[in-house]
Amino acid sequence: MAWFTNGLITNPIDGQLLVDTGALAAGTIGGSLLCYSTLPCLLTLHRHNSTNTADITTQKVALGCFANNFTVHSIPTGIILALNERVTVTIDTGFIGSIQVSLVG
């Protein structure tokens, strides 16, 4: 089982990187996004190209409507990757508080 996270981040800024898998082998990555936040927020899940210079696809992920929220978002079909592509998660708008997101699968 792979587990990717940048750990618990305090006072994240706009666009801050919360998860980065690094360059991956060709194949399928899936599992779940484990998300904790002290405030509601909007995240973006990114599939990056092999040179890490552009998004191939993105998906918005909303986190809760109340404080100290823990949610699990499953990725049941997986994400098919070519050699050296990566998956990242960023926060759209920073806030005063804490957040942690993990990609587990």
PDB file of N, CA and C in Angstrom:
ATOM      1  N   MET A   1       0.849  -1.178   0.000  1.00  0.00           N
ATOM      2  CA  MET A   1       0.000   0.000   0.000  1.00  0.00           C
ATOM      3  C   MET A   1       0.893   1.239   0.000  1.00  0.00           C
ATOM      4  N   ALA A   2       0.624   2.149  -0.909  1.00  0.00           N
ATOM      5  CA  ALA A   2       1.341   3.419  -0.964  1.00  0.00           C
ATOM      6  C   ALA A   2       0.601   4.455  -0.131  1.00  0.00           C
ATOM      7  N   TRP A   3       1.359   5.366   0.485  1.00  0.00           N
ATOM      8  CA  TRP A   3       0.773   6.438   1.285  1.00  0.00           C
ATOM      9  C   TRP A   3       1.562   7.699   0.987  1.00  0.00           C
ATOM     10  N   PHE A   4       0.869   8.726   0.460  1.00  0.00           N
ATOM     11  CA  PHE A   4       1.510   9.986   0.094  1.00  0.00           C
ATOM     12  C   PHE A   4       0.865  11.133   0.863  1.00  0.00           C
ATOM     13  N   THR A   5       1.665  11.961   1.531  1.00  0.00           N
ATOM     14  CA  THR A   5       1.163  13.138   2.227  1.00  0.00           C
ATOM     15  C   THR A   5       2.313  14.103   2.490  1.00  0.00           C
ATOM     16  N   ASN A   6       2.010  15.369   2.581  1.00  0.00           N
ATOM     17  CA  ASN A   6       2.994  16.362   3.016  1.00  0.00           C
ATOM     18  C   ASN A   6       2.808  16.675   4.493  1.00  0.00           C
ATOM     19  N   GLY A   7       1.992  15.871   5.178  1.00  0.00           N
ATOM     20  CA  GLY A   7       1.806  16.018   6.616  1.00  0.00           C
ATOM     21  C   GLY A   7       0.810  17.099   6.994  1.00  0.00           C
ATOM     22  N   LEU A   8       0.719  17.355   8.286  1.00  0.00           N
ATOM     23  CA  LEU A   8      -0.190  18.371   8.806  1.00  0.00           C
ATOM     24  C   LEU A   8       0.411  19.745   8.529  1.00  0.00           C
ATOM     25  N   ILE A   9      -0.351  20.591   7.849  1.00  0.00           N
ATOM     26  CA  ILE A   9       0.111  21.920   7.452  1.00  0.00           C
ATOM     27  C   ILE A   9      -0.716  22.966   8.195  1.00  0.00           C
ATOM     28  N   THR A  10      -0.027  23.898   8.826  1.00  0.00           N
ATOM     29  CA  THR A  10      -0.682  24.980   9.556  1.00  0.00           C
ATOM     30  C   THR A  10      -0.671  26.247   8.709  1.00  0.00           C
ATOM     31  N   ASN A  11      -1.808  26.914   8.643  1.00  0.00           N
ATOM     32  CA  ASN A  11      -1.986  28.160   7.892  1.00  0.00           C
ATOM     33  C   ASN A  11      -1.563  28.014   6.427  1.00  0.00           C
ATOM     34  N   PRO A  12      -2.195  27.099   5.696  1.00  0.00           N
ATOM     35  CA  PRO A  12      -1.827  26.901   4.287  1.00  0.00           C
ATOM     36  C   PRO A  12      -2.109  28.155   3.456  1.00  0.00           C
ATOM     37  N   ILE A  13      -1.288  28.353   2.432  1.00  0.00           N
ATOM     38  CA  ILE A  13      -1.458  29.500   1.540  1.00  0.00           C
ATOM     39  C   ILE A  13      -2.169  29.057   0.264  1.00  0.00           C
ATOM     40  N   ASP A  14      -2.660  30.017  -0.512  1.00  0.00           N
ATOM     41  CA  ASP A  14      -3.341  29.712  -1.777  1.00  0.00           C
ATOM     42  C   ASP A  14      -2.462  28.822  -2.645  1.00  0.00           C
ATOM     43  N   GLY A  15      -3.019  27.717  -3.133  1.00  0.00           N
ATOM     44  CA  GLY A  15      -2.305  26.838  -4.047  1.00  0.00           C
ATOM     45  C   GLY A  15      -1.262  25.940  -3.403  1.00  0.00           C
ATOM     46  N   GLN A  16      -1.207  25.890  -2.073  1.00  0.00           N
ATOM     47  CA  GLN A  16      -0.175  25.088  -1.405  1.00  0.00           C
ATOM     48  C   GLN A  16      -0.319  23.609  -1.725  1.00  0.00           C
ATOM     49  N   LEU A  17       0.812  22.961  -1.918  1.00  0.00           N
ATOM     50  CA  LEU A  17       0.880  21.534  -2.228  1.00  0.00           C
ATOM     51  C   LEU A  17       0.651  20.729  -0.955  1.00  0.00           C
ATOM     52  N   LEU A  18      -0.372  19.869  -0.974  1.00  0.00           N
ATOM     53  CA  LEU A  18      -0.715  19.049   0.183  1.00  0.00           C
ATOM     54  C   LEU A  18      -0.287  17.601   0.000  1.00  0.00           C
ATOM     55  N   VAL A  19      -0.281  17.135  -1.250  1.00  0.00           N
ATOM     56  CA  VAL A  19       0.138  15.770  -1.596  1.00  0.00           C
ATOM     57  C   VAL A  19       0.913  15.841  -2.898  1.00  0.00           C
ATOM     58  N   ASP A  20       2.015  15.099  -2.971  1.00  0.00           N
ATOM     59  CA  ASP A  20       2.776  14.953  -4.216  1.00  0.00           C
ATOM     60  C   ASP A  20       3.336  13.539  -4.250  1.00  0.00           C
ATOM     61  N   THR A  21       2.909  12.752  -5.221  1.00  0.00           N
ATOM     62  CA  THR A  21       3.366  11.365  -5.310  1.00  0.00           C
ATOM     63  C   THR A  21       4.789  11.258  -5.846  1.00  0.00           C
ATOM     64  N   GLY A  22       5.286  12.341  -6.456  1.00  0.00           N
ATOM     65  CA  GLY A  22       6.542  12.226  -7.177  1.00  0.00           C
ATOM     66  C   GLY A  22       6.287  11.468  -8.473  1.00  0.00           C
ATOM     67  N   ALA A  23       7.306  11.357  -9.306  1.00  0.00           N
ATOM     68  CA  ALA A  23       7.160  10.642 -10.583  1.00  0.00           C
ATOM     69  C   ALA A  23       6.859   9.167 -10.301  1.00  0.00           C
ATOM     70  N   LEU A  24       5.871   8.636 -11.009  1.00  0.00           N
ATOM     71  CA  LEU A  24       5.425   7.258 -10.783  1.00  0.00           C
ATOM     72  C   LEU A  24       5.677   6.384 -12.010  1.00  0.00           C
ATOM     73  N   ALA A  25       5.725   5.091 -11.787  1.00  0.00           N
ATOM     74  CA  ALA A  25       5.799   4.132 -12.885  1.00  0.00           C
ATOM     75  C   ALA A  25       4.464   4.122 -13.615  1.00  0.00           C
ATOM     76  N   ALA A  26       4.473   3.690 -14.862  1.00  0.00           N
ATOM     77  CA  ALA A  26       3.222   3.551 -15.610  1.00  0.00           C
ATOM     78  C   ALA A  26       2.332   2.543 -14.887  1.00  0.00           C
ATOM     79  N   GLY A  27       1.046   2.826 -14.851  1.00  0.00           N
ATOM     80  CA  GLY A  27       0.112   1.921 -14.179  1.00  0.00           C
ATOM     81  C   GLY A  27      -1.075   2.681 -13.659  1.00  0.00           C
ATOM     82  N   THR A  28      -1.733   2.113 -12.677  1.00  0.00           N
ATOM     83  CA  THR A  28      -2.939   2.709 -12.108  1.00  0.00           C
ATOM     84  C   THR A  28      -2.723   2.998 -10.631  1.00  0.00           C
ATOM     85  N   ILE A  29      -3.079   4.208 -10.226  1.00  0.00           N
ATOM     86  CA  ILE A  29      -3.041   4.573  -8.808  1.00  0.00           C
ATOM     87  C   ILE A  29      -4.478   4.864  -8.389  1.00  0.00           C
ATOM     88  N   GLY A  30      -4.835   4.403  -7.227  1.00  0.00           N
ATOM     89  CA  GLY A  30      -6.196   4.618  -6.744  1.00  0.00           C
ATOM     90  C   GLY A  30      -6.210   4.533  -5.243  1.00  0.00           C
ATOM     91  N   GLY A  31      -7.372   4.320  -4.712  1.00  0.00           N
ATOM     92  CA  GLY A  31      -7.504   4.228  -3.269  1.00  0.00           C
ATOM     93  C   GLY A  31      -8.405   5.308  -2.752  1.00  0.00           C
ATOM     94  N   SER A  32      -7.905   6.064  -1.761  1.00  0.00           N
ATOM     95  CA  SER A  32      -8.724   7.075  -1.097  1.00  0.00           C
ATOM     96  C   SER A  32      -7.921   8.318  -0.769  1.00  0.00           C
ATOM     97  N   LEU A  33      -8.623   9.444  -0.747  1.00  0.00           N
ATOM     98  CA  LEU A  33      -8.074  10.678  -0.200  1.00  0.00           C
ATOM     99  C   LEU A  33      -8.586  10.790   1.231  1.00  0.00           C
ATOM    100  N   LEU A  34      -7.682  10.780   2.199  1.00  0.00           N
ATOM    101  CA  LEU A  34      -8.036  10.984   3.598  1.00  0.00           C
ATOM    102  C   LEU A  34      -7.824  12.462   3.883  1.00  0.00           C
ATOM    103  N   CYS A  35      -8.840  13.154   4.340  1.00  0.00           N
ATOM    104  CA  CYS A  35      -8.782  14.609   4.456  1.00  0.00           C
ATOM    105  C   CYS A  35      -9.225  15.061   5.840  1.00  0.00           C
ATOM    106  N   TYR A  36      -8.388  15.895   6.469  1.00  0.00           N
ATOM    107  CA  TYR A  36      -8.728  16.530   7.740  1.00  0.00           C
ATOM    108  C   TYR A  36      -8.512  18.025   7.591  1.00  0.00           C
ATOM    109  N   SER A  37      -9.438  18.814   8.069  1.00  0.00           N
ATOM    110  CA  SER A  37      -9.292  20.262   8.015  1.00  0.00           C
ATOM    111  C   SER A  37     -10.026  20.896   9.186  1.00  0.00           C
ATOM    112  N   THR A  38      -9.448  21.990   9.701  1.00  0.00           N
ATOM    113  CA  THR A  38     -10.117  22.707  10.786  1.00  0.00           C
ATOM    114  C   THR A  38     -11.188  23.658  10.255  1.00  0.00           C
ATOM    115  N   LEU A  39     -11.220  23.870   8.935  1.00  0.00           N
ATOM    116  CA  LEU A  39     -12.224  24.721   8.302  1.00  0.00           C
ATOM    117  C   LEU A  39     -12.655  24.102   6.974  1.00  0.00           C
ATOM    118  N   PRO A  40     -13.855  24.423   6.494  1.00  0.00           N
ATOM    119  CA  PRO A  40     -14.257  23.961   5.164  1.00  0.00           C
ATOM    120  C   PRO A  40     -13.338  24.578   4.105  1.00  0.00           C
ATOM    121  N   CYS A  41     -13.080  23.844   3.043  1.00  0.00           N
ATOM    122  CA  CYS A  41     -12.222  24.375   1.980  1.00  0.00           C
ATOM    123  C   CYS A  41     -12.416  23.573   0.701  1.00  0.00           C
ATOM    124  N   LEU A  42     -11.802  24.070  -0.362  1.00  0.00           N
ATOM    125  CA  LEU A  42     -11.857  23.431  -1.668  1.00  0.00           C
ATOM    126  C   LEU A  42     -10.448  23.048  -2.088  1.00  0.00           C
ATOM    127  N   LEU A  43     -10.300  21.797  -2.516  1.00  0.00           N
ATOM    128  CA  LEU A  43      -9.017  21.260  -2.972  1.00  0.00           C
ATOM    129  C   LEU A  43      -9.090  20.958  -4.456  1.00  0.00           C
ATOM    130  N   THR A  44      -7.926  20.798  -5.084  1.00  0.00           N
ATOM    131  CA  THR A  44      -7.869  20.320  -6.464  1.00  0.00           C
ATOM    132  C   THR A  44      -6.931  19.129  -6.535  1.00  0.00           C
ATOM    133  N   LEU A  45      -7.449  18.027  -7.087  1.00  0.00           N
ATOM    134  CA  LEU A  45      -6.658  16.833  -7.378  1.00  0.00           C
ATOM    135  C   LEU A  45      -6.141  16.998  -8.802  1.00  0.00           C
ATOM    136  N   HIS A  46      -4.812  16.865  -9.001  1.00  0.00           N
ATOM    137  CA  HIS A  46      -4.192  17.077 -10.307  1.00  0.00           C
ATOM    138  C   HIS A  46      -3.526  15.794 -10.801  1.00  0.00           C
ATOM    139  N   ARG A  47      -3.662  15.512 -12.078  1.00  0.00           N
ATOM    140  CA  ARG A  47      -2.831  14.517 -12.758  1.00  0.00           C
ATOM    141  C   ARG A  47      -1.888  15.315 -13.655  1.00  0.00           C
ATOM    142  N   HIS A  48      -0.583  15.258 -13.339  1.00  0.00           N
ATOM    143  CA  HIS A  48       0.422  16.041 -14.069  1.00  0.00           C
ATOM    144  C   HIS A  48       1.087  15.203 -15.162  1.00  0.00           C
ATOM    145  N   ASN A  49       1.547  15.889 -16.213  1.00  0.00           N
ATOM    146  CA  ASN A  49       2.275  15.208 -17.284  1.00  0.00           C
ATOM    147  C   ASN A  49       3.642  14.733 -16.790  1.00  0.00           C
ATOM    148  N   SER A  50       4.348  13.974 -17.624  1.00  0.00           N
ATOM    149  CA  SER A  50       5.600  13.339 -17.206  1.00  0.00           C
ATOM    150  C   SER A  50       6.735  14.328 -16.955  1.00  0.00           C
ATOM    151  N   THR A  51       6.633  15.545 -17.475  1.00  0.00           N
ATOM    152  CA  THR A  51       7.661  16.554 -17.207  1.00  0.00           C
ATOM    153  C   THR A  51       7.257  17.473 -16.047  1.00  0.00           C
ATOM    154  N   ASN A  52       6.086  17.227 -15.463  1.00  0.00           N
ATOM    155  CA  ASN A  52       5.561  17.990 -14.331  1.00  0.00           C
ATOM    156  C   ASN A  52       5.417  19.478 -14.661  1.00  0.00           C
ATOM    157  N   THR A  53       5.018  19.763 -15.906  1.00  0.00           N
ATOM    158  CA  THR A  53       4.873  21.150 -16.347  1.00  0.00           C
ATOM    159  C   THR A  53       3.431  21.557 -16.622  1.00  0.00           C
ATOM    160  N   ALA A  54       2.506  20.585 -16.641  1.00  0.00           N
ATOM    161  CA  ALA A  54       1.112  20.915 -16.952  1.00  0.00           C
ATOM    162  C   ALA A  54       0.172  19.847 -16.407  1.00  0.00           C
ATOM    163  N   ASP A  55      -1.065  20.258 -16.136  1.00  0.00           N
ATOM    164  CA  ASP A  55      -2.110  19.317 -15.736  1.00  0.00           C
ATOM    165  C   ASP A  55      -2.626  18.585 -16.961  1.00  0.00           C
ATOM    166  N   ILE A  56      -2.855  17.292 -16.816  1.00  0.00           N
ATOM    167  CA  ILE A  56      -3.574  16.524 -17.837  1.00  0.00           C
ATOM    168  C   ILE A  56      -5.066  16.587 -17.517  1.00  0.00           C
ATOM    169  N   THR A  57      -5.393  16.367 -16.245  1.00  0.00           N
ATOM    170  CA  THR A  57      -6.770  16.482 -15.774  1.00  0.00           C
ATOM    171  C   THR A  57      -6.752  17.000 -14.337  1.00  0.00           C
ATOM    172  N   THR A  58      -7.871  17.585 -13.920  1.00  0.00           N
ATOM    173  CA  THR A  58      -8.035  18.024 -12.531  1.00  0.00           C
ATOM    174  C   THR A  58      -9.444  17.683 -12.058  1.00  0.00           C
ATOM    175  N   GLN A  59      -9.591  17.610 -10.746  1.00  0.00           N
ATOM    176  CA  GLN A  59     -10.898  17.377 -10.141  1.00  0.00           C
ATOM    177  C   GLN A  59     -10.979  18.167  -8.847  1.00  0.00           C
ATOM    178  N   LYS A  60     -12.042  18.950  -8.689  1.00  0.00           N
ATOM    179  CA  LYS A  60     -12.273  19.688  -7.446  1.00  0.00           C
ATOM    180  C   LYS A  60     -12.790  18.729  -6.378  1.00  0.00           C
ATOM    181  N   VAL A  61     -12.366  18.956  -5.129  1.00  0.00           N
ATOM    182  CA  VAL A  61     -12.805  18.158  -3.988  1.00  0.00           C
ATOM    183  C   VAL A  61     -13.177  19.127  -2.866  1.00  0.00           C
ATOM    184  N   ALA A  62     -14.430  19.087  -2.422  1.00  0.00           N
ATOM    185  CA  ALA A  62     -14.885  19.965  -1.335  1.00  0.00           C
ATOM    186  C   ALA A  62     -14.730  19.250  -0.005  1.00  0.00           C
ATOM    187  N   LEU A  63     -14.235  19.987   0.990  1.00  0.00           N
ATOM    188  CA  LEU A  63     -14.100  19.448   2.340  1.00  0.00           C
ATOM    189  C   LEU A  63     -15.066  20.148   3.267  1.00  0.00           C
ATOM    190  N   GLY A  64     -16.051  19.430   3.707  1.00  0.00           N
ATOM    191  CA  GLY A  64     -16.929  19.766   4.802  1.00  0.00           C
ATOM    192  C   GLY A  64     -17.513  21.157   4.896  1.00  0.00           C
ATOM    193  N   CYS A  65     -18.514  21.277   5.727  1.00  0.00           N
ATOM    194  CA  CYS A  65     -19.158  22.552   5.988  1.00  0.00           C
ATOM    195  C   CYS A  65     -19.035  22.924   7.447  1.00  0.00           C
ATOM    196  N   PHE A  66     -18.178  22.262   8.169  1.00  0.00           N
ATOM    197  CA  PHE A  66     -18.036  22.551   9.595  1.00  0.00           C
ATOM    198  C   PHE A  66     -16.583  22.359  10.002  1.00  0.00           C
ATOM    199  N   ALA A  67     -16.229  22.844  11.165  1.00  0.00           N
ATOM    200  CA  ALA A  67     -14.846  22.789  11.640  1.00  0.00           C
ATOM    201  C   ALA A  67     -14.443  21.373  12.058  1.00  0.00           C
ATOM    202  N   ASN A  68     -13.126  21.128  12.037  1.00  0.00           N
ATOM    203  CA  ASN A  68     -12.548  19.845  12.457  1.00  0.00           C
ATOM    204  C   ASN A  68     -13.211  18.673  11.746  1.00  0.00           C
ATOM    205  N   ASN A  69     -13.186  18.744  10.440  1.00  0.00           N
ATOM    206  CA  ASN A  69     -13.855  17.784   9.592  1.00  0.00           C
ATOM    207  C   ASN A  69     -12.868  16.732   9.088  1.00  0.00           C
ATOM    208  N   PHE A  70     -13.229  15.455   9.179  1.00  0.00           N
ATOM    209  CA  PHE A  70     -12.462  14.371   8.577  1.00  0.00           C
ATOM    210  C   PHE A  70     -13.351  13.679   7.564  1.00  0.00           C
ATOM    211  N   THR A  71     -12.890  13.579   6.329  1.00  0.00           N
ATOM    212  CA  THR A  71     -13.663  12.903   5.289  1.00  0.00           C
ATOM    213  C   THR A  71     -12.757  11.973   4.505  1.00  0.00           C
ATOM    214  N   VAL A  72     -13.374  10.984   3.896  1.00  0.00           N
ATOM    215  CA  VAL A  72     -12.673  10.049   3.017  1.00  0.00           C
ATOM    216  C   VAL A  72     -13.357  10.106   1.660  1.00  0.00           C
ATOM    217  N   HIS A  73     -12.568  10.378   0.632  1.00  0.00           N
ATOM    218  CA  HIS A  73     -13.072  10.394  -0.739  1.00  0.00           C
ATOM    219  C   HIS A  73     -12.412   9.237  -1.474  1.00  0.00           C
ATOM    220  N   SER A  74     -13.218   8.298  -1.961  1.00  0.00           N
ATOM    221  CA  SER A  74     -12.631   7.141  -2.636  1.00  0.00           C
ATOM    222  C   SER A  74     -12.407   7.438  -4.120  1.00  0.00           C
ATOM    223  N   ILE A  75     -11.417   6.747  -4.665  1.00  0.00           N
ATOM    224  CA  ILE A  75     -11.119   6.799  -6.100  1.00  0.00           C
ATOM    225  C   ILE A  75     -11.265   5.355  -6.594  1.00  0.00           C
ATOM    226  N   PRO A  76     -12.513   4.905  -6.782  1.00  0.00           N
ATOM    227  CA  PRO A  76     -12.761   3.478  -7.021  1.00  0.00           C
ATOM    228  C   PRO A  76     -12.228   2.945  -8.347  1.00  0.00           C
ATOM    229  N   THR A  77     -12.168   3.769  -9.366  1.00  0.00           N
ATOM    230  CA  THR A  77     -11.723   3.271 -10.665  1.00  0.00           C
ATOM    231  C   THR A  77     -10.233   3.435 -10.876  1.00  0.00           C
ATOM    232  N   GLY A  78      -9.581   4.201 -10.042  1.00  0.00           N
ATOM    233  CA  GLY A  78      -8.151   4.446 -10.195  1.00  0.00           C
ATOM    234  C   GLY A  78      -7.870   5.484 -11.272  1.00  0.00           C
ATOM    235  N   ILE A  79      -6.644   5.957 -11.278  1.00  0.00           N
ATOM    236  CA  ILE A  79      -6.184   6.933 -12.254  1.00  0.00           C
ATOM    237  C   ILE A  79      -5.075   6.259 -13.061  1.00  0.00           C
ATOM    238  N   ILE A  80      -5.260   6.148 -14.361  1.00  0.00           N
ATOM    239  CA  ILE A  80      -4.269   5.487 -15.218  1.00  0.00           C
ATOM    240  C   ILE A  80      -3.186   6.497 -15.569  1.00  0.00           C
ATOM    241  N   LEU A  81      -1.940   6.135 -15.273  1.00  0.00           N
ATOM    242  CA  LEU A  81      -0.803   7.028 -15.467  1.00  0.00           C
ATOM    243  C   LEU A  81       0.183   6.463 -16.480  1.00  0.00           C
ATOM    244  N   ALA A  82       0.798   7.356 -17.251  1.00  0.00           N
ATOM    245  CA  ALA A  82       1.930   6.987 -18.097  1.00  0.00           C
ATOM    246  C   ALA A  82       3.204   7.142 -17.258  1.00  0.00           C
ATOM    247  N   LEU A  83       4.316   6.655 -17.758  1.00  0.00           N
ATOM    248  CA  LEU A  83       5.587   6.717 -17.059  1.00  0.00           C
ATOM    249  C   LEU A  83       5.924   8.153 -16.644  1.00  0.00           C
ATOM    250  N   ASN A  84       6.319   8.320 -15.391  1.00  0.00           N
ATOM    251  CA  ASN A  84       6.765   9.580 -14.791  1.00  0.00           C
ATOM    252  C   ASN A  84       5.670  10.622 -14.554  1.00  0.00           C
ATOM    253  N   GLU A  85       4.402  10.279 -14.803  1.00  0.00           N
ATOM    254  CA  GLU A  85       3.337  11.201 -14.404  1.00  0.00           C
ATOM    255  C   GLU A  85       3.224  11.185 -12.890  1.00  0.00           C
ATOM    256  N   ARG A  86       2.564  12.196 -12.334  1.00  0.00           N
ATOM    257  CA  ARG A  86       2.400  12.278 -10.888  1.00  0.00           C
ATOM    258  C   ARG A  86       1.009  12.777 -10.557  1.00  0.00           C
ATOM    259  N   VAL A  87       0.605  12.548  -9.321  1.00  0.00           N
ATOM    260  CA  VAL A  87      -0.672  13.026  -8.799  1.00  0.00           C
ATOM    261  C   VAL A  87      -0.362  13.957  -7.635  1.00  0.00           C
ATOM    262  N   THR A  88      -1.010  15.124  -7.635  1.00  0.00           N
ATOM    263  CA  THR A  88      -0.842  16.071  -6.538  1.00  0.00           C
ATOM    264  C   THR A  88      -2.206  16.556  -6.074  1.00  0.00           C
ATOM    265  N   VAL A  89      -2.226  17.118  -4.882  1.00  0.00           N
ATOM    266  CA  VAL A  89      -3.419  17.778  -4.353  1.00  0.00           C
ATOM    267  C   VAL A  89      -2.973  19.140  -3.831  1.00  0.00           C
ATOM    268  N   THR A  90      -3.707  20.191  -4.215  1.00  0.00           N
ATOM    269  CA  THR A  90      -3.434  21.538  -3.726  1.00  0.00           C
ATOM    270  C   THR A  90      -4.693  22.105  -3.086  1.00  0.00           C
ATOM    271  N   ILE A  91      -4.504  23.094  -2.213  1.00  0.00           N
ATOM    272  CA  ILE A  91      -5.641  23.808  -1.634  1.00  0.00           C
ATOM    273  C   ILE A  91      -5.885  25.047  -2.491  1.00  0.00           C
ATOM    274  N   ASP A  92      -7.137  25.317  -2.808  1.00  0.00           N
ATOM    275  CA  ASP A  92      -7.450  26.451  -3.677  1.00  0.00           C
ATOM    276  C   ASP A  92      -7.211  27.788  -2.981  1.00  0.00           C
ATOM    277  N   THR A  93      -7.725  27.946  -1.764  1.00  0.00           N
ATOM    278  CA  THR A  93      -7.607  29.202  -1.030  1.00  0.00           C
ATOM    279  C   THR A  93      -7.103  28.908   0.376  1.00  0.00           C
ATOM    280  N   GLY A  94      -6.025  29.556   0.758  1.00  0.00           N
ATOM    281  CA  GLY A  94      -5.457  29.351   2.085  1.00  0.00           C
ATOM    282  C   GLY A  94      -6.373  29.855   3.191  1.00  0.00           C
ATOM    283  N   PHE A  95      -6.050  29.495   4.426  1.00  0.00           N
ATOM    284  CA  PHE A  95      -6.824  29.931   5.581  1.00  0.00           C
ATOM    285  C   PHE A  95      -5.965  29.839   6.835  1.00  0.00           C
ATOM    286  N   ILE A  96      -6.459  30.393   7.914  1.00  0.00           N
ATOM    287  CA  ILE A  96      -5.794  30.296   9.215  1.00  0.00           C
ATOM    288  C   ILE A  96      -6.363  29.057   9.902  1.00  0.00           C
ATOM    289  N   GLY A  97      -5.554  28.035  10.027  1.00  0.00           N
ATOM    290  CA  GLY A  97      -5.991  26.765  10.605  1.00  0.00           C
ATOM    291  C   GLY A  97      -5.046  25.670  10.157  1.00  0.00           C
ATOM    292  N   SER A  98      -5.517  24.430  10.189  1.00  0.00           N
ATOM    293  CA  SER A  98      -4.683  23.279   9.830  1.00  0.00           C
ATOM    294  C   SER A  98      -5.399  22.361   8.873  1.00  0.00           C
ATOM    295  N   ILE A  99      -4.589  21.659   8.055  1.00  0.00           N
ATOM    296  CA  ILE A  99      -5.124  20.702   7.093  1.00  0.00           C
ATOM    297  C   ILE A  99      -4.104  19.605   6.849  1.00  0.00           C
ATOM    298  N   GLN A 100      -4.593  18.398   6.622  1.00  0.00           N
ATOM    299  CA  GLN A 100      -3.758  17.299   6.157  1.00  0.00           C
ATOM    300  C   GLN A 100      -4.564  16.477   5.168  1.00  0.00           C
ATOM    301  N   VAL A 101      -3.935  16.156   4.043  1.00  0.00           N
ATOM    302  CA  VAL A 101      -4.545  15.296   3.032  1.00  0.00           C
ATOM    303  C   VAL A 101      -3.549  14.190   2.703  1.00  0.00           C
ATOM    304  N   SER A 102      -4.045  12.960   2.624  1.00  0.00           N
ATOM    305  CA  SER A 102      -3.215  11.814   2.256  1.00  0.00           C
ATOM    306  C   SER A 102      -3.878  11.081   1.110  1.00  0.00           C
ATOM    307  N   LEU A 103      -3.071  10.591   0.176  1.00  0.00           N
ATOM    308  CA  LEU A 103      -3.535   9.684  -0.879  1.00  0.00           C
ATOM    309  C   LEU A 103      -3.040   8.302  -0.482  1.00  0.00           C
ATOM    310  N   VAL A 104      -3.973   7.416  -0.182  1.00  0.00           N
ATOM    311  CA  VAL A 104      -3.645   6.073   0.305  1.00  0.00           C
ATOM    312  C   VAL A 104      -4.247   5.061  -0.649  1.00  0.00           C
ATOM    313  N   GLY A 105      -3.434   4.114  -1.076  1.00  0.00           N
ATOM    314  CA  GLY A 105      -3.987   3.102  -1.969  1.00  0.00           C
ATOM    315  C   GLY A 105      -2.999   2.028  -2.303  1.00  0.00           C
TER     316      GLY A 105
END
